[in-house]
């Protein structure tokens, strides 16, 4: 599996992300869909990676900088053909590694509460994420669950 930063110029990733956004709107009410569109994923505070297996797009995941020490996972998605082949776990491990490299103290995310999101809940919990209150600009929503994970703790200077 090759994981690389994606500039979103390829037709394959563009269609993949359009399908992702469409699927989110099929599952959740519009006010509860927090997936970023392609233009938002091109913002300077967002980095997106795509995962490739034998030349085929297997999935993607993004990291949005919320502050100097807090990042948010966005747009995690595995292509249907590659489900249960470790794509999401490898992308998540990659995003965690990059978050540590950036010296984030915390990494958070929002995902849905509908049954379709249960595999995502298990993945995040397996990686040490814990349910938390809404963060950043999010508000309580019965269709959203929020997760966070402390990456490093800083000691105050003496």
N, C-alpha and C. Protein backbone atom coordinates (compact mmCIF):
# COMPACT_ATOMS: atom_id res chain seq x y z
N UNK A 1 0.85 -1.18 0.00
CA UNK A 1 0.00 0.00 0.00
C UNK A 1 0.89 1.24 0.00
N UNK A 2 0.59 2.14 -0.89
CA UNK A 2 1.31 3.41 -0.95
C UNK A 2 0.37 4.51 -0.46
N UNK A 3 0.82 5.28 0.50
CA UNK A 3 0.06 6.43 1.01
C UNK A 3 0.83 7.68 0.62
N UNK A 4 0.14 8.59 -0.09
CA UNK A 4 0.82 9.80 -0.53
C UNK A 4 -0.09 11.01 -0.41
N UNK A 5 0.54 12.18 -0.23
CA UNK A 5 -0.23 13.42 -0.23
C UNK A 5 -0.88 13.55 -1.60
N UNK A 6 -2.13 13.95 -1.59
CA UNK A 6 -2.89 14.08 -2.84
C UNK A 6 -3.23 15.55 -3.07
N UNK A 7 -2.98 16.03 -4.28
CA UNK A 7 -3.33 17.43 -4.60
C UNK A 7 -4.75 17.55 -5.14
N UNK A 8 -5.47 16.45 -5.19
CA UNK A 8 -6.87 16.39 -5.60
C UNK A 8 -7.09 16.79 -7.05
N UNK A 9 -6.05 16.71 -7.87
CA UNK A 9 -6.19 17.05 -9.28
C UNK A 9 -6.65 15.87 -10.13
N UNK A 10 -6.49 14.65 -9.61
CA UNK A 10 -6.86 13.46 -10.38
C UNK A 10 -8.36 13.22 -10.41
N UNK A 11 -8.85 12.78 -11.56
CA UNK A 11 -10.29 12.50 -11.72
C UNK A 11 -10.75 11.39 -10.77
N UNK A 12 -9.88 10.40 -10.52
CA UNK A 12 -10.26 9.26 -9.66
C UNK A 12 -10.55 9.72 -8.23
N UNK A 13 -9.65 10.52 -7.65
CA UNK A 13 -9.87 11.00 -6.28
C UNK A 13 -11.04 11.99 -6.24
N UNK A 14 -11.19 12.79 -7.27
CA UNK A 14 -12.31 13.74 -7.29
C UNK A 14 -13.64 12.99 -7.28
N UNK A 15 -13.77 11.97 -8.10
CA UNK A 15 -15.01 11.19 -8.14
C UNK A 15 -15.23 10.44 -6.83
N UNK A 16 -14.15 9.91 -6.28
CA UNK A 16 -14.21 9.19 -5.01
C UNK A 16 -14.76 10.10 -3.91
N UNK A 17 -14.27 11.34 -3.86
CA UNK A 17 -14.72 12.28 -2.84
C UNK A 17 -16.15 12.76 -3.09
N UNK A 18 -16.52 12.92 -4.36
CA UNK A 18 -17.91 13.27 -4.67
C UNK A 18 -18.85 12.15 -4.22
N UNK A 19 -18.45 10.91 -4.46
CA UNK A 19 -19.26 9.76 -4.02
C UNK A 19 -19.34 9.71 -2.49
N UNK A 20 -18.22 10.02 -1.82
CA UNK A 20 -18.19 10.05 -0.36
C UNK A 20 -19.19 11.07 0.17
N UNK A 21 -19.16 12.26 -0.36
CA UNK A 21 -20.06 13.32 0.09
C UNK A 21 -21.51 12.94 -0.19
N UNK A 22 -21.77 12.37 -1.35
CA UNK A 22 -23.13 11.93 -1.70
C UNK A 22 -23.61 10.86 -0.72
N UNK A 23 -22.73 9.91 -0.40
CA UNK A 23 -23.09 8.85 0.54
C UNK A 23 -23.38 9.41 1.93
N UNK A 24 -22.60 10.39 2.36
CA UNK A 24 -22.85 10.99 3.68
C UNK A 24 -24.24 11.62 3.71
N UNK A 25 -24.66 12.24 2.60
CA UNK A 25 -25.99 12.85 2.54
C UNK A 25 -27.11 11.80 2.46
N UNK A 26 -26.79 10.60 1.97
CA UNK A 26 -27.77 9.53 1.96
C UNK A 26 -27.99 8.97 3.36
N UNK A 27 -26.95 8.99 4.18
CA UNK A 27 -27.00 8.37 5.51
C UNK A 27 -27.51 9.32 6.58
N UNK A 28 -27.04 10.57 6.53
CA UNK A 28 -27.30 11.53 7.60
C UNK A 28 -28.13 12.71 7.10
N UNK A 29 -28.87 13.35 8.01
CA UNK A 29 -29.60 14.57 7.62
C UNK A 29 -28.59 15.65 7.20
N UNK A 30 -28.97 16.54 6.31
CA UNK A 30 -28.04 17.55 5.78
C UNK A 30 -27.32 18.36 6.85
N UNK A 31 -28.04 18.73 7.91
CA UNK A 31 -27.42 19.54 8.97
C UNK A 31 -26.39 18.76 9.79
N UNK A 32 -26.36 17.46 9.61
CA UNK A 32 -25.42 16.61 10.35
C UNK A 32 -24.28 16.08 9.48
N UNK A 33 -24.21 16.54 8.24
CA UNK A 33 -23.12 16.12 7.35
C UNK A 33 -22.00 17.15 7.46
N UNK A 34 -20.86 16.70 7.98
CA UNK A 34 -19.73 17.60 8.19
C UNK A 34 -18.55 17.27 7.28
N UNK A 35 -18.78 16.42 6.29
CA UNK A 35 -17.73 16.07 5.34
C UNK A 35 -17.38 17.30 4.51
N UNK A 36 -16.10 17.46 4.23
CA UNK A 36 -15.63 18.60 3.45
C UNK A 36 -15.73 18.30 1.96
N UNK A 37 -16.10 19.31 1.18
CA UNK A 37 -16.09 19.14 -0.27
C UNK A 37 -14.66 19.33 -0.78
N UNK A 38 -14.47 19.13 -2.06
CA UNK A 38 -13.11 19.19 -2.63
C UNK A 38 -12.47 20.55 -2.41
N UNK A 39 -13.22 21.63 -2.58
CA UNK A 39 -12.63 22.96 -2.37
C UNK A 39 -12.17 23.14 -0.93
N UNK A 40 -12.96 22.68 0.02
CA UNK A 40 -12.58 22.80 1.44
C UNK A 40 -11.37 21.93 1.74
N UNK A 41 -11.25 20.79 1.08
CA UNK A 41 -10.10 19.91 1.28
C UNK A 41 -8.82 20.50 0.68
N UNK A 42 -8.96 21.49 -0.19
CA UNK A 42 -7.80 22.17 -0.77
C UNK A 42 -7.33 23.35 0.07
N UNK A 43 -7.99 23.62 1.18
CA UNK A 43 -7.61 24.76 2.04
C UNK A 43 -6.19 24.54 2.57
N UNK A 44 -5.47 25.63 2.84
CA UNK A 44 -4.08 25.49 3.30
C UNK A 44 -3.93 24.81 4.66
N UNK A 45 -4.99 24.77 5.45
CA UNK A 45 -4.91 24.12 6.77
C UNK A 45 -5.30 22.64 6.73
N UNK A 46 -5.47 22.08 5.51
CA UNK A 46 -5.87 20.69 5.34
C UNK A 46 -4.83 19.96 4.48
N UNK A 47 -4.45 18.77 4.92
CA UNK A 47 -3.61 17.88 4.14
C UNK A 47 -4.41 16.60 3.92
N UNK A 48 -4.46 16.15 2.67
CA UNK A 48 -5.18 14.92 2.37
C UNK A 48 -4.22 13.91 1.74
N UNK A 49 -4.39 12.67 2.18
CA UNK A 49 -3.59 11.56 1.65
C UNK A 49 -4.52 10.58 0.95
N UNK A 50 -4.03 9.98 -0.11
CA UNK A 50 -4.75 8.88 -0.75
C UNK A 50 -3.90 7.63 -0.59
N UNK A 51 -4.59 6.50 -0.49
CA UNK A 51 -3.93 5.20 -0.37
C UNK A 51 -4.17 4.44 -1.66
N UNK A 52 -3.12 3.80 -2.14
CA UNK A 52 -3.17 3.09 -3.42
C UNK A 52 -2.67 1.66 -3.24
N UNK A 53 -3.37 0.73 -3.83
CA UNK A 53 -2.95 -0.68 -3.83
C UNK A 53 -2.91 -1.13 -5.28
N UNK A 54 -1.72 -1.51 -5.72
CA UNK A 54 -1.51 -1.98 -7.09
C UNK A 54 -2.13 -1.03 -8.11
N UNK A 55 -1.90 0.28 -7.92
CA UNK A 55 -2.37 1.28 -8.87
C UNK A 55 -3.82 1.67 -8.75
N UNK A 56 -4.55 1.10 -7.78
CA UNK A 56 -5.96 1.44 -7.60
C UNK A 56 -6.16 2.27 -6.34
N UNK A 57 -7.03 3.26 -6.43
CA UNK A 57 -7.35 4.10 -5.27
C UNK A 57 -8.08 3.24 -4.24
N UNK A 58 -7.49 3.12 -3.05
CA UNK A 58 -8.05 2.26 -2.01
C UNK A 58 -8.73 3.06 -0.91
N UNK A 59 -8.40 4.34 -0.78
CA UNK A 59 -9.01 5.14 0.27
C UNK A 59 -8.32 6.48 0.41
N UNK A 60 -8.83 7.26 1.37
CA UNK A 60 -8.24 8.56 1.65
C UNK A 60 -8.52 8.95 3.09
N UNK A 61 -7.79 9.95 3.53
CA UNK A 61 -7.97 10.52 4.86
C UNK A 61 -7.29 11.87 4.89
N UNK A 62 -7.82 12.78 5.70
CA UNK A 62 -7.28 14.13 5.76
C UNK A 62 -7.03 14.56 7.19
N UNK A 63 -6.17 15.55 7.33
CA UNK A 63 -5.84 16.15 8.62
C UNK A 63 -6.01 17.65 8.49
N UNK A 64 -6.89 18.19 9.32
CA UNK A 64 -7.15 19.64 9.34
C UNK A 64 -6.53 20.21 10.61
N UNK A 65 -5.77 21.27 10.46
CA UNK A 65 -5.18 21.93 11.63
C UNK A 65 -6.22 22.86 12.25
N UNK A 66 -6.58 22.59 13.50
CA UNK A 66 -7.53 23.44 14.22
C UNK A 66 -6.81 24.55 14.98
N UNK A 67 -5.62 24.24 15.47
CA UNK A 67 -4.77 25.21 16.18
C UNK A 67 -3.34 24.68 16.09
N UNK A 68 -2.42 25.36 16.74
CA UNK A 68 -1.02 24.92 16.71
C UNK A 68 -0.82 23.55 17.35
N UNK A 69 -1.76 23.13 18.21
CA UNK A 69 -1.56 21.86 18.91
C UNK A 69 -2.77 20.91 18.83
N UNK A 70 -3.68 21.18 17.90
CA UNK A 70 -4.89 20.35 17.80
C UNK A 70 -5.23 20.13 16.33
N UNK A 71 -5.36 18.86 15.96
CA UNK A 71 -5.74 18.51 14.60
C UNK A 71 -7.05 17.75 14.58
N UNK A 72 -7.68 17.73 13.41
CA UNK A 72 -8.94 17.01 13.23
C UNK A 72 -8.83 16.08 12.02
N UNK A 73 -9.25 14.85 12.19
CA UNK A 73 -9.31 13.89 11.09
C UNK A 73 -10.57 14.17 10.28
N UNK A 74 -10.40 14.22 8.97
CA UNK A 74 -11.52 14.45 8.06
C UNK A 74 -11.46 13.45 6.90
N UNK A 75 -12.58 13.23 6.27
CA UNK A 75 -12.68 12.50 5.00
C UNK A 75 -12.01 11.13 4.98
N UNK A 76 -12.16 10.39 6.08
CA UNK A 76 -11.66 9.01 6.09
C UNK A 76 -12.65 8.16 5.29
N UNK A 77 -12.12 7.46 4.30
CA UNK A 77 -12.99 6.65 3.45
C UNK A 77 -12.18 5.53 2.82
N UNK A 78 -12.75 4.34 2.78
CA UNK A 78 -12.14 3.19 2.11
C UNK A 78 -13.00 2.81 0.92
N UNK A 79 -12.36 2.56 -0.21
CA UNK A 79 -13.08 2.09 -1.40
C UNK A 79 -13.70 0.73 -1.09
N UNK A 80 -14.89 0.52 -1.59
CA UNK A 80 -15.65 -0.71 -1.32
C UNK A 80 -14.81 -1.97 -1.56
N UNK A 81 -14.07 -1.99 -2.65
CA UNK A 81 -13.27 -3.16 -3.02
C UNK A 81 -12.19 -3.49 -1.98
N UNK A 82 -11.78 -2.49 -1.20
CA UNK A 82 -10.66 -2.67 -0.27
C UNK A 82 -11.06 -2.70 1.20
N UNK A 83 -12.35 -2.76 1.48
CA UNK A 83 -12.81 -2.82 2.87
C UNK A 83 -12.27 -4.08 3.53
N UNK A 84 -11.86 -3.94 4.77
CA UNK A 84 -11.29 -5.00 5.60
C UNK A 84 -9.92 -5.50 5.10
N UNK A 85 -9.20 -4.59 4.44
CA UNK A 85 -7.85 -4.93 4.00
C UNK A 85 -6.82 -4.01 4.65
N UNK A 86 -7.22 -3.30 5.72
CA UNK A 86 -6.26 -2.49 6.47
C UNK A 86 -6.06 -1.08 5.95
N UNK A 87 -6.84 -0.66 4.98
CA UNK A 87 -6.66 0.67 4.40
C UNK A 87 -6.89 1.76 5.44
N UNK A 88 -8.03 1.72 6.11
CA UNK A 88 -8.35 2.75 7.11
C UNK A 88 -7.35 2.73 8.26
N UNK A 89 -6.97 1.56 8.71
CA UNK A 89 -6.00 1.47 9.81
C UNK A 89 -4.66 2.05 9.40
N UNK A 90 -4.22 1.78 8.18
CA UNK A 90 -2.95 2.33 7.71
C UNK A 90 -3.03 3.84 7.54
N UNK A 91 -4.13 4.34 7.01
CA UNK A 91 -4.30 5.78 6.88
C UNK A 91 -4.34 6.45 8.25
N UNK A 92 -5.07 5.85 9.19
CA UNK A 92 -5.15 6.42 10.53
C UNK A 92 -3.79 6.43 11.21
N UNK A 93 -3.03 5.36 11.08
CA UNK A 93 -1.68 5.32 11.65
C UNK A 93 -0.80 6.40 11.02
N UNK A 94 -0.95 6.62 9.73
CA UNK A 94 -0.19 7.64 9.03
C UNK A 94 -0.55 9.04 9.54
N UNK A 95 -1.85 9.28 9.72
CA UNK A 95 -2.30 10.59 10.21
C UNK A 95 -1.84 10.80 11.65
N UNK A 96 -1.87 9.76 12.46
CA UNK A 96 -1.35 9.88 13.83
C UNK A 96 0.14 10.21 13.83
N UNK A 97 0.89 9.55 12.98
CA UNK A 97 2.33 9.82 12.88
C UNK A 97 2.58 11.27 12.46
N UNK A 98 1.84 11.75 11.47
CA UNK A 98 2.01 13.13 11.02
C UNK A 98 1.59 14.11 12.11
N UNK A 99 0.55 13.80 12.85
CA UNK A 99 0.10 14.66 13.94
C UNK A 99 1.17 14.79 15.02
N UNK A 100 1.83 13.68 15.32
CA UNK A 100 2.93 13.72 16.29
C UNK A 100 4.11 14.53 15.73
N UNK A 101 4.40 14.34 14.44
CA UNK A 101 5.48 15.10 13.83
C UNK A 101 5.21 16.60 13.92
N UNK A 102 3.94 16.97 13.77
CA UNK A 102 3.54 18.38 13.88
C UNK A 102 3.47 18.85 15.33
N UNK A 103 3.69 17.93 16.24
CA UNK A 103 3.66 18.18 17.68
C UNK A 103 2.28 18.61 18.19
N UNK A 104 1.24 18.01 17.59
CA UNK A 104 -0.10 18.25 18.12
C UNK A 104 -0.21 17.54 19.46
N UNK A 105 -0.90 18.15 20.38
CA UNK A 105 -1.16 17.55 21.67
C UNK A 105 -2.42 16.68 21.62
N UNK A 106 -3.30 16.98 20.67
CA UNK A 106 -4.59 16.31 20.60
C UNK A 106 -5.01 16.15 19.14
N UNK A 107 -5.70 15.04 18.89
CA UNK A 107 -6.27 14.76 17.59
C UNK A 107 -7.73 14.38 17.82
N UNK A 108 -8.64 15.01 17.10
CA UNK A 108 -10.08 14.80 17.31
C UNK A 108 -10.77 14.51 15.98
N UNK A 109 -12.02 14.07 16.08
CA UNK A 109 -12.81 13.81 14.88
C UNK A 109 -14.28 13.77 15.23
N UNK A 110 -15.09 13.93 14.19
CA UNK A 110 -16.55 13.77 14.27
C UNK A 110 -16.92 12.70 13.28
N UNK A 111 -17.83 11.83 13.69
CA UNK A 111 -18.38 10.83 12.77
C UNK A 111 -19.84 10.61 13.11
N UNK A 112 -20.52 9.88 12.29
CA UNK A 112 -21.95 9.68 12.47
C UNK A 112 -22.30 8.64 13.52
N UNK A 113 -23.55 8.65 13.92
CA UNK A 113 -24.05 7.68 14.90
C UNK A 113 -24.85 6.56 14.24
N UNK A 114 -25.15 6.70 12.96
CA UNK A 114 -25.94 5.71 12.26
C UNK A 114 -25.19 4.37 12.20
N UNK A 115 -25.91 3.26 12.03
CA UNK A 115 -25.25 1.94 12.02
C UNK A 115 -24.11 1.82 11.00
N UNK A 116 -24.20 2.54 9.90
CA UNK A 116 -23.15 2.47 8.88
C UNK A 116 -21.78 2.91 9.41
N UNK A 117 -21.78 3.67 10.50
CA UNK A 117 -20.53 4.20 11.05
C UNK A 117 -19.93 3.32 12.15
N UNK A 118 -20.58 2.21 12.50
CA UNK A 118 -20.07 1.35 13.56
C UNK A 118 -18.64 0.85 13.31
N UNK A 119 -18.30 0.44 12.08
CA UNK A 119 -16.90 0.03 11.85
C UNK A 119 -15.91 1.16 12.13
N UNK A 120 -16.29 2.39 11.81
CA UNK A 120 -15.41 3.53 12.10
C UNK A 120 -15.25 3.70 13.61
N UNK A 121 -16.33 3.58 14.35
CA UNK A 121 -16.25 3.70 15.82
C UNK A 121 -15.26 2.68 16.38
N UNK A 122 -15.38 1.43 15.91
CA UNK A 122 -14.48 0.38 16.40
C UNK A 122 -13.02 0.69 16.05
N UNK A 123 -12.80 1.19 14.84
CA UNK A 123 -11.43 1.53 14.42
C UNK A 123 -10.85 2.62 15.32
N UNK A 124 -11.58 3.70 15.51
CA UNK A 124 -11.07 4.80 16.32
C UNK A 124 -10.83 4.37 17.77
N UNK A 125 -11.75 3.60 18.31
CA UNK A 125 -11.58 3.13 19.68
C UNK A 125 -10.38 2.19 19.80
N UNK A 126 -10.16 1.36 18.79
CA UNK A 126 -9.00 0.47 18.78
C UNK A 126 -7.70 1.27 18.78
N UNK A 127 -7.72 2.45 18.19
CA UNK A 127 -6.54 3.30 18.13
C UNK A 127 -6.45 4.27 19.32
N UNK A 128 -7.28 4.05 20.34
CA UNK A 128 -7.17 4.83 21.57
C UNK A 128 -7.97 6.11 21.63
N UNK A 129 -8.85 6.33 20.67
CA UNK A 129 -9.70 7.51 20.72
C UNK A 129 -10.84 7.26 21.70
N UNK A 130 -11.23 8.31 22.39
CA UNK A 130 -12.33 8.23 23.36
C UNK A 130 -13.40 9.25 23.01
N UNK A 131 -14.66 8.88 23.27
CA UNK A 131 -15.77 9.80 23.03
C UNK A 131 -15.55 11.06 23.85
N UNK A 132 -15.95 12.19 23.29
CA UNK A 132 -15.76 13.47 23.97
C UNK A 132 -16.90 14.42 23.61
N UNK A 133 -16.88 15.58 24.20
CA UNK A 133 -17.85 16.63 23.90
C UNK A 133 -17.50 17.24 22.53
N UNK A 134 -18.45 17.95 21.93
CA UNK A 134 -18.14 18.63 20.67
C UNK A 134 -16.93 19.55 20.85
N UNK A 135 -16.14 19.69 19.81
CA UNK A 135 -14.95 20.53 19.84
C UNK A 135 -15.03 21.52 18.67
N UNK A 136 -14.12 22.47 18.64
CA UNK A 136 -14.07 23.48 17.58
C UNK A 136 -15.45 24.12 17.42
N UNK A 137 -15.99 24.12 16.19
CA UNK A 137 -17.28 24.77 15.94
C UNK A 137 -18.46 23.81 15.97
N UNK A 138 -18.23 22.57 16.38
CA UNK A 138 -19.31 21.59 16.44
C UNK A 138 -20.23 21.87 17.62
N UNK A 139 -21.46 21.40 17.50
CA UNK A 139 -22.44 21.49 18.59
C UNK A 139 -23.03 20.09 18.80
N UNK A 140 -23.66 19.90 19.94
CA UNK A 140 -24.32 18.61 20.21
C UNK A 140 -25.27 18.29 19.06
N UNK A 141 -25.25 17.04 18.65
CA UNK A 141 -26.08 16.60 17.54
C UNK A 141 -26.33 15.10 17.73
N UNK A 142 -27.57 14.66 17.76
CA UNK A 142 -27.84 13.23 17.95
C UNK A 142 -27.30 12.36 16.83
N UNK A 143 -26.95 12.96 15.70
CA UNK A 143 -26.42 12.21 14.57
C UNK A 143 -24.89 12.23 14.50
N UNK A 144 -24.26 12.82 15.52
CA UNK A 144 -22.80 12.91 15.55
C UNK A 144 -22.25 12.36 16.85
N UNK A 145 -21.08 11.73 16.75
CA UNK A 145 -20.32 11.36 17.92
C UNK A 145 -18.92 11.95 17.71
N UNK A 146 -18.35 12.44 18.79
CA UNK A 146 -17.05 13.09 18.73
C UNK A 146 -16.04 12.24 19.48
N UNK A 147 -14.86 12.15 18.92
CA UNK A 147 -13.77 11.39 19.53
C UNK A 147 -12.54 12.27 19.64
N UNK A 148 -11.71 11.97 20.62
CA UNK A 148 -10.43 12.66 20.74
C UNK A 148 -9.39 11.72 21.32
N UNK A 149 -8.16 12.06 21.07
CA UNK A 149 -7.04 11.30 21.61
C UNK A 149 -5.92 12.27 21.95
N UNK A 150 -5.42 12.16 23.17
CA UNK A 150 -4.26 12.94 23.58
C UNK A 150 -3.03 12.28 22.96
N UNK A 151 -2.19 13.09 22.32
CA UNK A 151 -1.00 12.57 21.67
C UNK A 151 0.25 12.77 22.51
N UNK A 152 0.31 13.91 23.17
CA UNK A 152 1.46 14.19 24.01
C UNK A 152 1.04 15.22 25.04
N UNK A 153 1.66 15.12 26.16
CA UNK A 153 1.36 16.07 27.22
C UNK A 153 2.60 16.90 27.49
N UNK A 154 2.40 18.19 27.58
CA UNK A 154 3.52 19.09 27.80
C UNK A 154 3.57 19.48 29.27
N UNK A 155 4.76 19.50 29.81
CA UNK A 155 4.94 19.95 31.19
C UNK A 155 5.18 21.45 31.18
N UNK A 156 4.56 22.16 32.10
CA UNK A 156 4.80 23.61 32.13
C UNK A 156 6.25 23.88 32.51
N UNK A 157 6.78 24.96 31.96
CA UNK A 157 8.16 25.35 32.27
C UNK A 157 8.25 25.81 33.72
N UNK A 158 9.34 25.44 34.35
CA UNK A 158 9.53 25.84 35.75
C UNK A 158 10.32 27.13 35.84
